[in-house]
Amino acid sequence: MADAIANGTQVNLTEMAVGDANGAHYDPDGTETALRNERYRNVIEQSGVGHQHQVMTQMTIPVEHGGFFIREAGLFDDEAI
């Protein structure tokens, strides 16, 4: 994402996923291609680039899919689906 923003390359973000990382904290190293324990995935409702090139996305998790701590999140583009 940082390279795409810096180079002005278009990335079509389509989905966002969240998970509980199997109940344990971990420090991602940037090579991950999936969540450790994905609990919910849906289309991105809104996205944009904010202050200092921060990527902002929004997804709603319906109450019937909740009940877990979000410890990890992932953004997926139209090439990753």
PDB file of N, CA and C in Angstrom:
ATOM      1  N   MET A   1       0.824  -1.183   0.000  1.00  0.00           N
ATOM      2  CA  MET A   1       0.000   0.000   0.000  1.00  0.00           C
ATOM      3  C   MET A   1       0.872   1.251   0.000  1.00  0.00           C
ATOM      4  N   ALA A   2       1.926   1.231   0.804  1.00  0.00           N
ATOM      5  CA  ALA A   2       2.793   2.403   0.865  1.00  0.00           C
ATOM      6  C   ALA A   2       3.425   2.682  -0.493  1.00  0.00           C
ATOM      7  N   ASP A   3       3.866   1.634  -1.188  1.00  0.00           N
ATOM      8  CA  ASP A   3       4.447   1.805  -2.521  1.00  0.00           C
ATOM      9  C   ASP A   3       3.419   2.353  -3.497  1.00  0.00           C
ATOM     10  N   ALA A   4       2.191   1.829  -3.442  1.00  0.00           N
ATOM     11  CA  ALA A   4       1.145   2.289  -4.347  1.00  0.00           C
ATOM     12  C   ALA A   4       0.847   3.767  -4.121  1.00  0.00           C
ATOM     13  N   ILE A   5       0.772   4.189  -2.874  1.00  0.00           N
ATOM     14  CA  ILE A   5       0.498   5.594  -2.568  1.00  0.00           C
ATOM     15  C   ILE A   5       1.659   6.466  -3.035  1.00  0.00           C
ATOM     16  N   ALA A   6       2.887   6.032  -2.745  1.00  0.00           N
ATOM     17  CA  ALA A   6       4.065   6.821  -3.118  1.00  0.00           C
ATOM     18  C   ALA A   6       4.214   6.945  -4.629  1.00  0.00           C
ATOM     19  N   ASN A   7       3.849   5.897  -5.372  1.00  0.00           N
ATOM     20  CA  ASN A   7       4.009   5.891  -6.824  1.00  0.00           C
ATOM     21  C   ASN A   7       2.758   6.318  -7.574  1.00  0.00           C
ATOM     22  N   GLY A   8       1.686   6.600  -6.852  1.00  0.00           N
ATOM     23  CA  GLY A   8       0.448   6.995  -7.497  1.00  0.00           C
ATOM     24  C   GLY A   8      -0.234   5.855  -8.238  1.00  0.00           C
ATOM     25  N   THR A   9       0.056   4.621  -7.845  1.00  0.00           N
ATOM     26  CA  THR A   9      -0.529   3.445  -8.477  1.00  0.00           C
ATOM     27  C   THR A   9      -1.909   3.180  -7.891  1.00  0.00           C
ATOM     28  N   GLN A  10      -2.874   2.888  -8.741  1.00  0.00           N
ATOM     29  CA  GLN A  10      -4.234   2.598  -8.305  1.00  0.00           C
ATOM     30  C   GLN A  10      -4.308   1.188  -7.715  1.00  0.00           C
ATOM     31  N   VAL A  11      -4.882   1.061  -6.527  1.00  0.00           N
ATOM     32  CA  VAL A  11      -5.162  -0.234  -5.915  1.00  0.00           C
ATOM     33  C   VAL A  11      -6.651  -0.254  -5.616  1.00  0.00           C
ATOM     34  N   ASN A  12      -7.347  -1.256  -6.113  1.00  0.00           N
ATOM     35  CA  ASN A  12      -8.779  -1.352  -5.934  1.00  0.00           C
ATOM     36  C   ASN A  12      -9.088  -2.245  -4.731  1.00  0.00           C
ATOM     37  N   LEU A  13      -9.134  -1.638  -3.531  1.00  0.00           N
ATOM     38  CA  LEU A  13      -9.466  -2.382  -2.324  1.00  0.00           C
ATOM     39  C   LEU A  13     -10.930  -2.777  -2.376  1.00  0.00           C
ATOM     40  N   THR A  14     -11.215  -4.052  -2.131  1.00  0.00           N
ATOM     41  CA  THR A  14     -12.583  -4.533  -2.256  1.00  0.00           C
ATOM     42  C   THR A  14     -13.129  -5.159  -0.985  1.00  0.00           C
ATOM     43  N   GLU A  15     -12.281  -5.813  -0.210  1.00  0.00           N
ATOM     44  CA  GLU A  15     -12.748  -6.499   1.001  1.00  0.00           C
ATOM     45  C   GLU A  15     -11.841  -6.214   2.186  1.00  0.00           C
ATOM     46  N   MET A  16     -12.431  -6.349   3.362  1.00  0.00           N
ATOM     47  CA  MET A  16     -11.711  -6.216   4.621  1.00  0.00           C
ATOM     48  C   MET A  16     -12.060  -7.424   5.470  1.00  0.00           C
ATOM     49  N   ALA A  17     -11.077  -7.949   6.166  1.00  0.00           N
ATOM     50  CA  ALA A  17     -11.308  -9.085   7.050  1.00  0.00           C
ATOM     51  C   ALA A  17     -10.735  -8.772   8.425  1.00  0.00           C
ATOM     52  N   VAL A  18     -11.351  -9.319   9.454  1.00  0.00           N
ATOM     53  CA  VAL A  18     -10.856  -9.180  10.817  1.00  0.00           C
ATOM     54  C   VAL A  18     -10.822 -10.555  11.457  1.00  0.00           C
ATOM     55  N   GLY A  19      -9.946 -10.695  12.427  1.00  0.00           N
ATOM     56  CA  GLY A  19      -9.824 -11.968  13.120  1.00  0.00           C
ATOM     57  C   GLY A  19      -9.371 -11.784  14.541  1.00  0.00           C
ATOM     58  N   ASP A  20      -9.317 -12.888  15.273  1.00  0.00           N
ATOM     59  CA  ASP A  20      -8.906 -12.829  16.681  1.00  0.00           C
ATOM     60  C   ASP A  20      -7.518 -13.403  16.923  1.00  0.00           C
ATOM     61  N   ALA A  21      -6.799 -13.773  15.865  1.00  0.00           N
ATOM     62  CA  ALA A  21      -5.424 -14.293  15.969  1.00  0.00           C
ATOM     63  C   ALA A  21      -5.332 -15.470  16.927  1.00  0.00           C
ATOM     64  N   ASN A  22      -6.397 -16.257  16.990  1.00  0.00           N
ATOM     65  CA  ASN A  22      -6.447 -17.414  17.890  1.00  0.00           C
ATOM     66  C   ASN A  22      -6.276 -17.022  19.349  1.00  0.00           C
ATOM     67  N   GLY A  23      -6.678 -15.787  19.698  1.00  0.00           N
ATOM     68  CA  GLY A  23      -6.662 -15.349  21.085  1.00  0.00           C
ATOM     69  C   GLY A  23      -5.322 -14.894  21.618  1.00  0.00           C
ATOM     70  N   ALA A  24      -4.326 -14.718  20.749  1.00  0.00           N
ATOM     71  CA  ALA A  24      -2.992 -14.326  21.217  1.00  0.00           C
ATOM     72  C   ALA A  24      -2.451 -13.159  20.400  1.00  0.00           C
ATOM     73  N   HIS A  25      -1.715 -12.279  21.059  1.00  0.00           N
ATOM     74  CA  HIS A  25      -1.071 -11.163  20.380  1.00  0.00           C
ATOM     75  C   HIS A  25       0.107 -11.674  19.555  1.00  0.00           C
ATOM     76  N   TYR A  26       0.325 -11.058  18.406  1.00  0.00           N
ATOM     77  CA  TYR A  26       1.544 -11.318  17.636  1.00  0.00           C
ATOM     78  C   TYR A  26       1.895 -10.069  16.851  1.00  0.00           C
ATOM     79  N   ASP A  27       3.132  -9.959  16.455  1.00  0.00           N
ATOM     80  CA  ASP A  27       3.607  -8.827  15.670  1.00  0.00           C
ATOM     81  C   ASP A  27       3.784  -9.270  14.227  1.00  0.00           C
ATOM     82  N   PRO A  28       2.916  -8.805  13.322  1.00  0.00           N
ATOM     83  CA  PRO A  28       3.068  -9.182  11.912  1.00  0.00           C
ATOM     84  C   PRO A  28       4.376  -8.629  11.349  1.00  0.00           C
ATOM     85  N   ASP A  29       4.965  -9.356  10.412  1.00  0.00           N
ATOM     86  CA  ASP A  29       6.229  -8.914   9.830  1.00  0.00           C
ATOM     87  C   ASP A  29       6.079  -8.354   8.420  1.00  0.00           C
ATOM     88  N   GLY A  30       4.842  -8.313   7.904  1.00  0.00           N
ATOM     89  CA  GLY A  30       4.612  -7.734   6.593  1.00  0.00           C
ATOM     90  C   GLY A  30       4.600  -8.732   5.454  1.00  0.00           C
ATOM     91  N   THR A  31       4.890  -9.985   5.743  1.00  0.00           N
ATOM     92  CA  THR A  31       4.876 -11.007   4.690  1.00  0.00           C
ATOM     93  C   THR A  31       3.591 -11.829   4.711  1.00  0.00           C
ATOM     94  N   GLU A  32       2.700 -11.539   5.643  1.00  0.00           N
ATOM     95  CA  GLU A  32       1.465 -12.306   5.785  1.00  0.00           C
ATOM     96  C   GLU A  32       0.585 -12.149   4.542  1.00  0.00           C
ATOM     97  N   THR A  33      -0.062 -13.224   4.155  1.00  0.00           N
ATOM     98  CA  THR A  33      -1.018 -13.193   3.046  1.00  0.00           C
ATOM     99  C   THR A  33      -2.412 -13.593   3.514  1.00  0.00           C
ATOM    100  N   ALA A  34      -2.551 -13.926   4.777  1.00  0.00           N
ATOM    101  CA  ALA A  34      -3.839 -14.316   5.355  1.00  0.00           C
ATOM    102  C   ALA A  34      -3.811 -14.003   6.844  1.00  0.00           C
ATOM    103  N   LEU A  35      -4.988 -13.934   7.434  1.00  0.00           N
ATOM    104  CA  LEU A  35      -5.079 -13.747   8.876  1.00  0.00           C
ATOM    105  C   LEU A  35      -4.871 -15.083   9.566  1.00  0.00           C
ATOM    106  N   ARG A  36      -4.401 -15.042  10.801  1.00  0.00           N
ATOM    107  CA  ARG A  36      -4.199 -16.290  11.547  1.00  0.00           C
ATOM    108  C   ARG A  36      -5.507 -16.991  11.856  1.00  0.00           C
ATOM    109  N   ASN A  37      -6.537 -16.208  12.205  1.00  0.00           N
ATOM    110  CA  ASN A  37      -7.850 -16.798  12.479  1.00  0.00           C
ATOM    111  C   ASN A  37      -8.927 -15.804  12.068  1.00  0.00           C
ATOM    112  N   GLU A  38      -9.229 -15.799  10.777  1.00  0.00           N
ATOM    113  CA  GLU A  38     -10.228 -14.882  10.245  1.00  0.00           C
ATOM    114  C   GLU A  38     -11.602 -15.218  10.812  1.00  0.00           C
ATOM    115  N   ARG A  39     -12.283 -14.183  11.329  1.00  0.00           N
ATOM    116  CA  ARG A  39     -13.610 -14.383  11.914  1.00  0.00           C
ATOM    117  C   ARG A  39     -14.721 -13.754  11.095  1.00  0.00           C
ATOM    118  N   TYR A  40     -14.401 -12.695  10.322  1.00  0.00           N
ATOM    119  CA  TYR A  40     -15.430 -12.048   9.515  1.00  0.00           C
ATOM    120  C   TYR A  40     -14.774 -11.320   8.344  1.00  0.00           C
ATOM    121  N   ARG A  41     -15.436 -11.381   7.188  1.00  0.00           N
ATOM    122  CA  ARG A  41     -14.976 -10.676   5.988  1.00  0.00           C
ATOM    123  C   ARG A  41     -16.202 -10.113   5.266  1.00  0.00           C
ATOM    124  N   ASN A  42     -16.044  -8.897   4.737  1.00  0.00           N
ATOM    125  CA  ASN A  42     -17.125  -8.280   3.981  1.00  0.00           C
ATOM    126  C   ASN A  42     -16.533  -7.244   3.044  1.00  0.00           C
ATOM    127  N   VAL A  43     -17.382  -6.698   2.185  1.00  0.00           N
ATOM    128  CA  VAL A  43     -16.938  -5.651   1.271  1.00  0.00           C
ATOM    129  C   VAL A  43     -16.614  -4.388   2.058  1.00  0.00           C
ATOM    130  N   ILE A  44     -15.700  -3.603   1.532  1.00  0.00           N
ATOM    131  CA  ILE A  44     -15.359  -2.315   2.125  1.00  0.00           C
ATOM    132  C   ILE A  44     -16.443  -1.326   1.747  1.00  0.00           C
ATOM    133  N   GLU A  45     -17.002  -0.664   2.743  1.00  0.00           N
ATOM    134  CA  GLU A  45     -18.081   0.291   2.506  1.00  0.00           C
ATOM    135  C   GLU A  45     -17.549   1.645   2.054  1.00  0.00           C
ATOM    136  N   GLN A  46     -16.441   2.060   2.634  1.00  0.00           N
ATOM    137  CA  GLN A  46     -15.810   3.327   2.279  1.00  0.00           C
ATOM    138  C   GLN A  46     -14.308   3.167   2.409  1.00  0.00           C
ATOM    139  N   SER A  47     -13.557   3.868   1.570  1.00  0.00           N
ATOM    140  CA  SER A  47     -12.107   3.882   1.705  1.00  0.00           C
ATOM    141  C   SER A  47     -11.572   5.202   1.174  1.00  0.00           C
ATOM    142  N   GLY A  48     -10.386   5.545   1.619  1.00  0.00           N
ATOM    143  CA  GLY A  48      -9.758   6.769   1.160  1.00  0.00           C
ATOM    144  C   GLY A  48      -8.384   6.899   1.768  1.00  0.00           C
ATOM    145  N   VAL A  49      -7.692   7.944   1.375  1.00  0.00           N
ATOM    146  CA  VAL A  49      -6.368   8.244   1.913  1.00  0.00           C
ATOM    147  C   VAL A  49      -6.504   9.507   2.736  1.00  0.00           C
ATOM    148  N   GLY A  50      -6.092   9.420   3.993  1.00  0.00           N
ATOM    149  CA  GLY A  50      -6.226  10.541   4.899  1.00  0.00           C
ATOM    150  C   GLY A  50      -4.933  11.292   5.106  1.00  0.00           C
ATOM    151  N   HIS A  51      -4.855  11.987   6.211  1.00  0.00           N
ATOM    152  CA  HIS A  51      -3.699  12.784   6.599  1.00  0.00           C
ATOM    153  C   HIS A  51      -2.444  11.926   6.626  1.00  0.00           C
ATOM    154  N   GLN A  52      -1.363  12.437   6.101  1.00  0.00           N
ATOM    155  CA  GLN A  52      -0.070  11.750   6.062  1.00  0.00           C
ATOM    156  C   GLN A  52      -0.170  10.393   5.381  1.00  0.00           C
ATOM    157  N   HIS A  53      -0.991  10.300   4.342  1.00  0.00           N
ATOM    158  CA  HIS A  53      -1.131   9.104   3.508  1.00  0.00           C
ATOM    159  C   HIS A  53      -1.635   7.879   4.264  1.00  0.00           C
ATOM    160  N   GLN A  54      -2.410   8.088   5.301  1.00  0.00           N
ATOM    161  CA  GLN A  54      -3.010   6.960   6.014  1.00  0.00           C
ATOM    162  C   GLN A  54      -4.165   6.399   5.199  1.00  0.00           C
ATOM    163  N   VAL A  55      -4.186   5.077   5.048  1.00  0.00           N
ATOM    164  CA  VAL A  55      -5.287   4.429   4.358  1.00  0.00           C
ATOM    165  C   VAL A  55      -6.411   4.221   5.365  1.00  0.00           C
ATOM    166  N   MET A  56      -7.601   4.699   5.021  1.00  0.00           N
ATOM    167  CA  MET A  56      -8.754   4.564   5.909  1.00  0.00           C
ATOM    168  C   MET A  56      -9.811   3.726   5.210  1.00  0.00           C
ATOM    169  N   THR A  57     -10.325   2.731   5.915  1.00  0.00           N
ATOM    170  CA  THR A  57     -11.380   1.887   5.363  1.00  0.00           C
ATOM    171  C   THR A  57     -12.472   1.710   6.405  1.00  0.00           C
ATOM    172  N   GLN A  58     -13.667   1.387   5.919  1.00  0.00           N
ATOM    173  CA  GLN A  58     -14.796   1.158   6.822  1.00  0.00           C
ATOM    174  C   GLN A  58     -15.566  -0.070   6.389  1.00  0.00           C
ATOM    175  N   MET A  59     -15.882  -0.904   7.377  1.00  0.00           N
ATOM    176  CA  MET A  59     -16.695  -2.095   7.177  1.00  0.00           C
ATOM    177  C   MET A  59     -17.554  -2.250   8.424  1.00  0.00           C
ATOM    178  N   THR A  60     -18.778  -2.665   8.255  1.00  0.00           N
ATOM    179  CA  THR A  60     -19.670  -2.897   9.383  1.00  0.00           C
ATOM    180  C   THR A  60     -19.719  -4.386   9.693  1.00  0.00           C
ATOM    181  N   ILE A  61     -19.581  -4.720  10.978  1.00  0.00           N
ATOM    182  CA  ILE A  61     -19.706  -6.111  11.419  1.00  0.00           C
ATOM    183  C   ILE A  61     -21.066  -6.245  12.088  1.00  0.00           C
ATOM    184  N   PRO A  62     -21.970  -7.012  11.496  1.00  0.00           N
ATOM    185  CA  PRO A  62     -23.283  -7.204  12.119  1.00  0.00           C
ATOM    186  C   PRO A  62     -23.149  -7.864  13.491  1.00  0.00           C
ATOM    187  N   VAL A  63     -24.037  -7.529  14.402  1.00  0.00           N
ATOM    188  CA  VAL A  63     -23.970  -8.021  15.772  1.00  0.00           C
ATOM    189  C   VAL A  63     -23.926  -9.546  15.839  1.00  0.00           C
ATOM    190  N   GLU A  64     -24.606 -10.221  14.931  1.00  0.00           N
ATOM    191  CA  GLU A  64     -24.629 -11.689  14.977  1.00  0.00           C
ATOM    192  C   GLU A  64     -23.286 -12.312  14.585  1.00  0.00           C
ATOM    193  N   HIS A  65     -22.357 -11.508  14.065  1.00  0.00           N
ATOM    194  CA  HIS A  65     -21.030 -12.022  13.711  1.00  0.00           C
ATOM    195  C   HIS A  65     -19.966 -11.565  14.708  1.00  0.00           C
ATOM    196  N   GLY A  66     -20.352 -10.812  15.710  1.00  0.00           N
ATOM    197  CA  GLY A  66     -19.402 -10.270  16.675  1.00  0.00           C
ATOM    198  C   GLY A  66     -19.125 -11.235  17.813  1.00  0.00           C
ATOM    199  N   GLY A  67     -18.721 -10.673  18.938  1.00  0.00           N
ATOM    200  CA  GLY A  67     -18.447 -11.475  20.120  1.00  0.00           C
ATOM    201  C   GLY A  67     -17.013 -11.955  20.217  1.00  0.00           C
ATOM    202  N   PHE A  68     -16.078 -11.240  19.585  1.00  0.00           N
ATOM    203  CA  PHE A  68     -14.661 -11.604  19.660  1.00  0.00           C
ATOM    204  C   PHE A  68     -13.823 -10.329  19.681  1.00  0.00           C
ATOM    205  N   PHE A  69     -12.593 -10.444  20.160  1.00  0.00           N
ATOM    206  CA  PHE A  69     -11.668  -9.324  20.166  1.00  0.00           C
ATOM    207  C   PHE A  69     -10.961  -9.273  18.819  1.00  0.00           C
ATOM    208  N   ILE A  70     -10.950  -8.098  18.204  1.00  0.00           N
ATOM    209  CA  ILE A  70     -10.236  -7.944  16.934  1.00  0.00           C
ATOM    210  C   ILE A  70      -8.763  -7.726  17.248  1.00  0.00           C
ATOM    211  N   ARG A  71      -7.937  -8.678  16.857  1.00  0.00           N
ATOM    212  CA  ARG A  71      -6.496  -8.597  17.063  1.00  0.00           C
ATOM    213  C   ARG A  71      -5.730  -8.502  15.744  1.00  0.00           C
ATOM    214  N   GLU A  72      -6.456  -8.673  14.634  1.00  0.00           N
ATOM    215  CA  GLU A  72      -5.811  -8.606  13.330  1.00  0.00           C
ATOM    216  C   GLU A  72      -6.831  -8.167  12.296  1.00  0.00           C
ATOM    217  N   ALA A  73      -6.338  -7.510  11.260  1.00  0.00           N
ATOM    218  CA  ALA A  73      -7.199  -7.043  10.173  1.00  0.00           C
ATOM    219  C   ALA A  73      -6.416  -7.125   8.879  1.00  0.00           C
ATOM    220  N   GLY A  74      -7.135  -7.320   7.791  1.00  0.00           N
ATOM    221  CA  GLY A  74      -6.495  -7.375   6.495  1.00  0.00           C
ATOM    222  C   GLY A  74      -7.340  -6.692   5.453  1.00  0.00           C
ATOM    223  N   LEU A  75      -6.669  -6.083   4.489  1.00  0.00           N
ATOM    224  CA  LEU A  75      -7.331  -5.455   3.349  1.00  0.00           C
ATOM    225  C   LEU A  75      -6.987  -6.269   2.115  1.00  0.00           C
ATOM    226  N   PHE A  76      -7.972  -6.483   1.262  1.00  0.00           N
ATOM    227  CA  PHE A  76      -7.776  -7.296   0.072  1.00  0.00           C
ATOM    228  C   PHE A  76      -8.214  -6.520  -1.146  1.00  0.00           C
ATOM    229  N   ASP A  77      -7.417  -6.610  -2.209  1.00  0.00           N
ATOM    230  CA  ASP A  77      -7.766  -5.919  -3.445  1.00  0.00           C
ATOM    231  C   ASP A  77      -8.412  -6.886  -4.432  1.00  0.00           C
ATOM    232  N   ASP A  78      -8.810  -6.366  -5.574  1.00  0.00           N
ATOM    233  CA  ASP A  78      -9.515  -7.177  -6.549  1.00  0.00           C
ATOM    234  C   ASP A  78      -8.642  -8.263  -7.182  1.00  0.00           C
ATOM    235  N   GLU A  79      -7.335  -8.202  -6.976  1.00  0.00           N
ATOM    236  CA  GLU A  79      -6.445  -9.255  -7.484  1.00  0.00           C
ATOM    237  C   GLU A  79      -6.234 -10.367  -6.479  1.00  0.00           C
ATOM    238  N   ALA A  80      -6.584 -10.148  -5.215  1.00  0.00           N
ATOM    239  CA  ALA A  80      -6.336 -11.132  -4.161  1.00  0.00           C
ATOM    240  C   ALA A  80      -7.532 -12.017  -3.883  1.00  0.00           C
ATOM    241  N   ILE A  81      -8.668 -11.703  -4.462  1.00  0.00           N
ATOM    242  CA  ILE A  81      -9.885 -12.451  -4.147  1.00  0.00           C
ATOM    243  C   ILE A  81      -9.956 -13.730  -4.980  1.00  0.00           C
TER     244      ILE A  81
END
